[in-house]
PDB file of all heavy atoms in Angstrom:
ATOM      1  N   CYS A   1      26.400  31.265 -52.340  1.00  0.00           N
ATOM      2  CA  CYS A   1      25.726  29.968 -52.483  1.00  0.00           C
ATOM      3  C   CYS A   1      24.315  30.112 -53.026  1.00  0.00           C
ATOM      4  O   CYS A   1      23.477  29.218 -52.818  1.00  0.00           O
ATOM      5  CB  CYS A   1      25.693  29.241 -51.144  1.00  0.00           C
ATOM      6  SG  CYS A   1      27.288  28.634 -50.579  1.00  0.00           S
ATOM      7  N   ALA A   2      24.024  31.214 -53.712  1.00  0.00           N
ATOM      8  CA  ALA A   2      22.661  31.451 -54.187  1.00  0.00           C
ATOM      9  C   ALA A   2      22.175  30.354 -55.125  1.00  0.00           C
ATOM     10  O   ALA A   2      20.960  30.132 -55.246  1.00  0.00           O
ATOM     11  CB  ALA A   2      22.570  32.810 -54.871  1.00  0.00           C
ATOM     12  N   ASP A   3      23.086  29.657 -55.780  1.00  0.00           N
ATOM     13  CA  ASP A   3      22.678  28.580 -56.685  1.00  0.00           C
ATOM     14  C   ASP A   3      22.005  27.429 -55.944  1.00  0.00           C
ATOM     15  O   ASP A   3      21.411  26.554 -56.578  1.00  0.00           O
ATOM     16  CB  ASP A   3      23.891  28.044 -57.452  1.00  0.00           C
ATOM     17  CG  ASP A   3      24.397  29.013 -58.502  1.00  0.00           C
ATOM     18  OD1 ASP A   3      23.653  29.970 -58.822  1.00  0.00           O
ATOM     19  OD2 ASP A   3      25.524  28.822 -58.997  1.00  0.00           O
ATOM     20  N   SER A   4      22.099  27.411 -54.624  1.00  0.00           N
ATOM     21  CA  SER A   4      21.499  26.340 -53.829  1.00  0.00           C
ATOM     22  C   SER A   4      20.055  26.631 -53.436  1.00  0.00           C
ATOM     23  O   SER A   4      19.455  25.853 -52.695  1.00  0.00           O
ATOM     24  CB  SER A   4      22.324  26.118 -52.557  1.00  0.00           C
ATOM     25  OG  SER A   4      23.609  25.681 -52.860  1.00  0.00           O
ATOM     26  N   GLN A   5      19.477  27.712 -53.939  1.00  0.00           N
ATOM     27  CA  GLN A   5      18.129  28.079 -53.498  1.00  0.00           C
ATOM     28  C   GLN A   5      17.098  27.016 -53.851  1.00  0.00           C
ATOM     29  O   GLN A   5      16.159  26.767 -53.082  1.00  0.00           O
ATOM     30  CB  GLN A   5      17.726  29.430 -54.068  1.00  0.00           C
ATOM     31  CG  GLN A   5      17.683  29.500 -55.580  1.00  0.00           C
ATOM     32  CD  GLN A   5      17.356  30.883 -56.073  1.00  0.00           C
ATOM     33  OE1 GLN A   5      16.197  31.280 -56.069  1.00  0.00           O
ATOM     34  NE2 GLN A   5      18.364  31.624 -56.491  1.00  0.00           N
ATOM     35  N   ASP A   6      17.238  26.339 -54.995  1.00  0.00           N
ATOM     36  CA  ASP A   6      16.276  25.297 -55.360  1.00  0.00           C
ATOM     37  C   ASP A   6      16.336  24.130 -54.378  1.00  0.00           C
ATOM     38  O   ASP A   6      15.306  23.524 -54.050  1.00  0.00           O
ATOM     39  CB  ASP A   6      16.532  24.810 -56.782  1.00  0.00           C
ATOM     40  CG  ASP A   6      16.127  25.844 -57.829  1.00  0.00           C
ATOM     41  OD1 ASP A   6      15.349  26.762 -57.493  1.00  0.00           O
ATOM     42  OD2 ASP A   6      16.597  25.733 -58.974  1.00  0.00           O
ATOM     43  N   ALA A   7      17.539  23.810 -53.898  1.00  0.00           N
ATOM     44  CA  ALA A   7      17.672  22.752 -52.892  1.00  0.00           C
ATOM     45  C   ALA A   7      17.016  23.178 -51.589  1.00  0.00           C
ATOM     46  O   ALA A   7      16.400  22.359 -50.898  1.00  0.00           O
ATOM     47  CB  ALA A   7      19.148  22.419 -52.664  1.00  0.00           C
ATOM     48  N   ALA A   8      17.129  24.459 -51.252  1.00  0.00           N
ATOM     49  CA  ALA A   8      16.492  24.968 -50.043  1.00  0.00           C
ATOM     50  C   ALA A   8      14.979  24.888 -50.158  1.00  0.00           C
ATOM     51  O   ALA A   8      14.274  24.531 -49.208  1.00  0.00           O
ATOM     52  CB  ALA A   8      16.936  26.404 -49.774  1.00  0.00           C
ATOM     53  N   ILE A   9      14.456  25.208 -51.328  1.00  0.00           N
ATOM     54  CA  ILE A   9      13.015  25.113 -51.561  1.00  0.00           C
ATOM     55  C   ILE A   9      12.563  23.662 -51.462  1.00  0.00           C
ATOM     56  O   ILE A   9      11.549  23.345 -50.823  1.00  0.00           O
ATOM     57  CB  ILE A   9      12.660  25.709 -52.940  1.00  0.00           C
ATOM     58  CG1 ILE A   9      12.939  27.220 -52.942  1.00  0.00           C
ATOM     59  CG2 ILE A   9      11.206  25.433 -53.287  1.00  0.00           C
ATOM     60  CD1 ILE A   9      12.903  27.847 -54.316  1.00  0.00           C
ATOM     61  N   ALA A  10      13.319  22.758 -52.092  1.00  0.00           N
ATOM     62  CA  ALA A  10      12.974  21.335 -52.059  1.00  0.00           C
ATOM     63  C   ALA A  10      13.001  20.780 -50.642  1.00  0.00           C
ATOM     64  O   ALA A  10      12.274  19.831 -50.323  1.00  0.00           O
ATOM     65  CB  ALA A  10      13.926  20.547 -52.954  1.00  0.00           C
ATOM     66  N   ALA A  11      13.828  21.385 -49.774  1.00  0.00           N
ATOM     67  CA  ALA A  11      13.926  20.933 -48.384  1.00  0.00           C
ATOM     68  C   ALA A  11      12.863  21.558 -47.500  1.00  0.00           C
ATOM     69  O   ALA A  11      12.856  21.357 -46.285  1.00  0.00           O
ATOM     70  CB  ALA A  11      15.315  21.259 -47.834  1.00  0.00           C
ATOM     71  N   GLY A  12      11.953  22.335 -48.102  1.00  0.00           N
ATOM     72  CA  GLY A  12      10.856  22.914 -47.339  1.00  0.00           C
ATOM     73  C   GLY A  12      11.248  24.117 -46.508  1.00  0.00           C
ATOM     74  O   GLY A  12      10.591  24.409 -45.494  1.00  0.00           O
ATOM     75  N   CYS A  13      12.280  24.837 -46.927  1.00  0.00           N
ATOM     76  CA  CYS A  13      12.751  25.983 -46.151  1.00  0.00           C
ATOM     77  C   CYS A  13      11.878  27.216 -46.391  1.00  0.00           C
ATOM     78  O   CYS A  13      11.425  27.458 -47.509  1.00  0.00           O
ATOM     79  CB  CYS A  13      14.200  26.311 -46.509  1.00  0.00           C
ATOM     80  SG  CYS A  13      15.351  25.020 -46.009  1.00  0.00           S
ATOM     81  N   ASP A  14      11.690  27.975 -45.341  1.00  0.00           N
ATOM     82  CA  ASP A  14      10.976  29.252 -45.446  1.00  0.00           C
ATOM     83  C   ASP A  14      11.921  30.380 -45.829  1.00  0.00           C
ATOM     84  O   ASP A  14      11.479  31.404 -46.352  1.00  0.00           O
ATOM     85  CB  ASP A  14      10.325  29.598 -44.104  1.00  0.00           C
ATOM     86  CG  ASP A  14       9.376  28.510 -43.636  1.00  0.00           C
ATOM     87  OD1 ASP A  14       8.416  28.215 -44.363  1.00  0.00           O
ATOM     88  OD2 ASP A  14       9.622  27.942 -42.553  1.00  0.00           O
ATOM     89  N   ALA A  15      13.216  30.197 -45.547  1.00  0.00           N
ATOM     90  CA  ALA A  15      14.203  31.237 -45.843  1.00  0.00           C
ATOM     91  C   ALA A  15      15.546  30.602 -46.151  1.00  0.00           C
ATOM     92  O   ALA A  15      15.856  29.504 -45.681  1.00  0.00           O
ATOM     93  CB  ALA A  15      14.346  32.199 -44.668  1.00  0.00           C
ATOM     94  N   PHE A  16      16.309  31.321 -46.953  1.00  0.00           N
ATOM     95  CA  PHE A  16      17.669  30.902 -47.295  1.00  0.00           C
ATOM     96  C   PHE A  16      18.576  32.099 -47.096  1.00  0.00           C
ATOM     97  O   PHE A  16      18.390  33.149 -47.717  1.00  0.00           O
ATOM     98  CB  PHE A  16      17.721  30.408 -48.736  1.00  0.00           C
ATOM     99  CG  PHE A  16      19.081  29.945 -49.200  1.00  0.00           C
ATOM    100  CD1 PHE A  16      19.972  29.341 -48.324  1.00  0.00           C
ATOM    101  CD2 PHE A  16      19.460  30.095 -50.528  1.00  0.00           C
ATOM    102  CE1 PHE A  16      21.215  28.900 -48.751  1.00  0.00           C
ATOM    103  CE2 PHE A  16      20.696  29.655 -50.972  1.00  0.00           C
ATOM    104  CZ  PHE A  16      21.577  29.059 -50.079  1.00  0.00           C
ATOM    105  N   VAL A  17      19.554  31.962 -46.202  1.00  0.00           N
ATOM    106  CA  VAL A  17      20.501  33.042 -45.892  1.00  0.00           C
ATOM    107  C   VAL A  17      21.820  32.743 -46.581  1.00  0.00           C
ATOM    108  O   VAL A  17      22.448  31.710 -46.331  1.00  0.00           O
ATOM    109  CB  VAL A  17      20.725  33.171 -44.376  1.00  0.00           C
ATOM    110  CG1 VAL A  17      21.719  34.299 -44.080  1.00  0.00           C
ATOM    111  CG2 VAL A  17      19.418  33.405 -43.647  1.00  0.00           C
ATOM    112  N   THR A  18      22.251  33.646 -47.459  1.00  0.00           N
ATOM    113  CA  THR A  18      23.523  33.485 -48.160  1.00  0.00           C
ATOM    114  C   THR A  18      24.007  34.876 -48.570  1.00  0.00           C
ATOM    115  O   THR A  18      23.719  35.853 -47.875  1.00  0.00           O
ATOM    116  CB  THR A  18      23.368  32.522 -49.364  1.00  0.00           C
ATOM    117  OG1 THR A  18      24.641  32.290 -49.968  1.00  0.00           O
ATOM    118  CG2 THR A  18      22.395  33.030 -50.395  1.00  0.00           C
ATOM    119  N   SER A  19      24.745  34.971 -49.694  1.00  0.00           N
ATOM    120  CA  SER A  19      25.192  36.292 -50.148  1.00  0.00           C
ATOM    121  C   SER A  19      25.327  36.299 -51.666  1.00  0.00           C
ATOM    122  O   SER A  19      25.193  35.263 -52.323  1.00  0.00           O
ATOM    123  CB  SER A  19      26.542  36.665 -49.518  1.00  0.00           C
ATOM    124  OG  SER A  19      27.600  35.921 -50.088  1.00  0.00           O
ATOM    125  N   ASP A  20      25.597  37.490 -52.192  1.00  0.00           N
ATOM    126  CA  ASP A  20      25.826  37.683 -53.627  1.00  0.00           C
ATOM    127  C   ASP A  20      24.641  37.219 -54.467  1.00  0.00           C
ATOM    128  O   ASP A  20      24.799  36.644 -55.551  1.00  0.00           O
ATOM    129  CB  ASP A  20      27.107  36.960 -54.075  1.00  0.00           C
ATOM    130  CG  ASP A  20      28.341  37.396 -53.305  1.00  0.00           C
ATOM    131  OD1 ASP A  20      28.258  38.388 -52.566  1.00  0.00           O
ATOM    132  OD2 ASP A  20      29.383  36.735 -53.441  1.00  0.00           O
ATOM    133  N   ILE A  21      23.422  37.450 -53.961  1.00  0.00           N
ATOM    134  CA  ILE A  21      22.210  37.054 -54.678  1.00  0.00           C
ATOM    135  C   ILE A  21      21.939  38.025 -55.824  1.00  0.00           C
ATOM    136  O   ILE A  21      22.055  39.240 -55.666  1.00  0.00           O
ATOM    137  CB  ILE A  21      21.002  37.015 -53.712  1.00  0.00           C
ATOM    138  CG1 ILE A  21      21.247  35.971 -52.613  1.00  0.00           C
ATOM    139  CG2 ILE A  21      19.718  36.701 -54.461  1.00  0.00           C
ATOM    140  CD1 ILE A  21      20.179  35.964 -51.524  1.00  0.00           C
ATOM    141  N   LYS A  22      21.557  37.484 -56.972  1.00  0.00           N
ATOM    142  CA  LYS A  22      21.306  38.307 -58.154  1.00  0.00           C
ATOM    143  C   LYS A  22      19.880  38.874 -58.151  1.00  0.00           C
ATOM    144  O   LYS A  22      18.973  38.338 -57.513  1.00  0.00           O
ATOM    145  CB  LYS A  22      21.526  37.477 -59.417  1.00  0.00           C
ATOM    146  CG  LYS A  22      22.972  37.011 -59.601  1.00  0.00           C
ATOM    147  CD  LYS A  22      23.121  36.173 -60.850  1.00  0.00           C
ATOM    148  CE  LYS A  22      24.557  35.713 -61.035  1.00  0.00           C
ATOM    149  NZ  LYS A  22      24.728  34.859 -62.235  1.00  0.00           N
ATOM    150  N   TYR A  23      19.716  39.919 -58.918  1.00  0.00           N
ATOM    151  CA  TYR A  23      18.424  40.617 -58.994  1.00  0.00           C
ATOM    152  C   TYR A  23      17.296  39.680 -59.381  1.00  0.00           C
ATOM    153  O   TYR A  23      16.232  39.671 -58.756  1.00  0.00           O
ATOM    154  CB  TYR A  23      18.526  41.768 -60.004  1.00  0.00           C
ATOM    155  CG  TYR A  23      17.199  42.385 -60.352  1.00  0.00           C
ATOM    156  CD1 TYR A  23      16.538  43.232 -59.458  1.00  0.00           C
ATOM    157  CD2 TYR A  23      16.595  42.131 -61.583  1.00  0.00           C
ATOM    158  CE1 TYR A  23      15.316  43.803 -59.786  1.00  0.00           C
ATOM    159  CE2 TYR A  23      15.378  42.686 -61.909  1.00  0.00           C
ATOM    160  CZ  TYR A  23      14.742  43.519 -61.008  1.00  0.00           C
ATOM    161  OH  TYR A  23      13.535  44.077 -61.333  1.00  0.00           O
ATOM    162  N   HIS A  24      17.503  38.874 -60.422  1.00  0.00           N
ATOM    163  CA  HIS A  24      16.404  38.037 -60.892  1.00  0.00           C
ATOM    164  C   HIS A  24      16.031  36.977 -59.863  1.00  0.00           C
ATOM    165  O   HIS A  24      14.881  36.511 -59.821  1.00  0.00           O
ATOM    166  CB  HIS A  24      16.730  37.390 -62.249  1.00  0.00           C
ATOM    167  CG  HIS A  24      17.813  36.368 -62.197  1.00  0.00           C
ATOM    168  ND1 HIS A  24      17.578  35.063 -61.814  1.00  0.00           N
ATOM    169  CD2 HIS A  24      19.128  36.447 -62.494  1.00  0.00           C
ATOM    170  CE1 HIS A  24      18.713  34.385 -61.876  1.00  0.00           C
ATOM    171  NE2 HIS A  24      19.669  35.186 -62.279  1.00  0.00           N
ATOM    172  N   ASP A  25      16.979  36.582 -59.005  1.00  0.00           N
ATOM    173  CA  ASP A  25      16.661  35.632 -57.936  1.00  0.00           C
ATOM    174  C   ASP A  25      15.730  36.277 -56.912  1.00  0.00           C
ATOM    175  O   ASP A  25      14.776  35.642 -56.440  1.00  0.00           O
ATOM    176  CB  ASP A  25      17.935  35.147 -57.252  1.00  0.00           C
ATOM    177  CG  ASP A  25      18.781  34.266 -58.155  1.00  0.00           C
ATOM    178  OD1 ASP A  25      18.199  33.490 -58.931  1.00  0.00           O
ATOM    179  OD2 ASP A  25      20.024  34.356 -58.079  1.00  0.00           O
ATOM    180  N   PHE A  26      16.019  37.537 -56.544  1.00  0.00           N
ATOM    181  CA  PHE A  26      15.123  38.255 -55.652  1.00  0.00           C
ATOM    182  C   PHE A  26      13.744  38.417 -56.289  1.00  0.00           C
ATOM    183  O   PHE A  26      12.715  38.280 -55.631  1.00  0.00           O
ATOM    184  CB  PHE A  26      15.687  39.640 -55.328  1.00  0.00           C
ATOM    185  CG  PHE A  26      16.750  39.659 -54.275  1.00  0.00           C
ATOM    186  CD1 PHE A  26      17.989  40.241 -54.519  1.00  0.00           C
ATOM    187  CD2 PHE A  26      16.523  39.115 -53.025  1.00  0.00           C
ATOM    188  CE1 PHE A  26      18.963  40.275 -53.538  1.00  0.00           C
ATOM    189  CE2 PHE A  26      17.488  39.139 -52.031  1.00  0.00           C
ATOM    190  CZ  PHE A  26      18.716  39.725 -52.291  1.00  0.00           C
TER     191      PHE A  26
END
């Protein structure tokens, strides 16, 4: 679900726990 990171940021999250995250996302 790494594609949801922008939604997590918009929701004011400090962290997003998921899997299969790509290098450029890190």
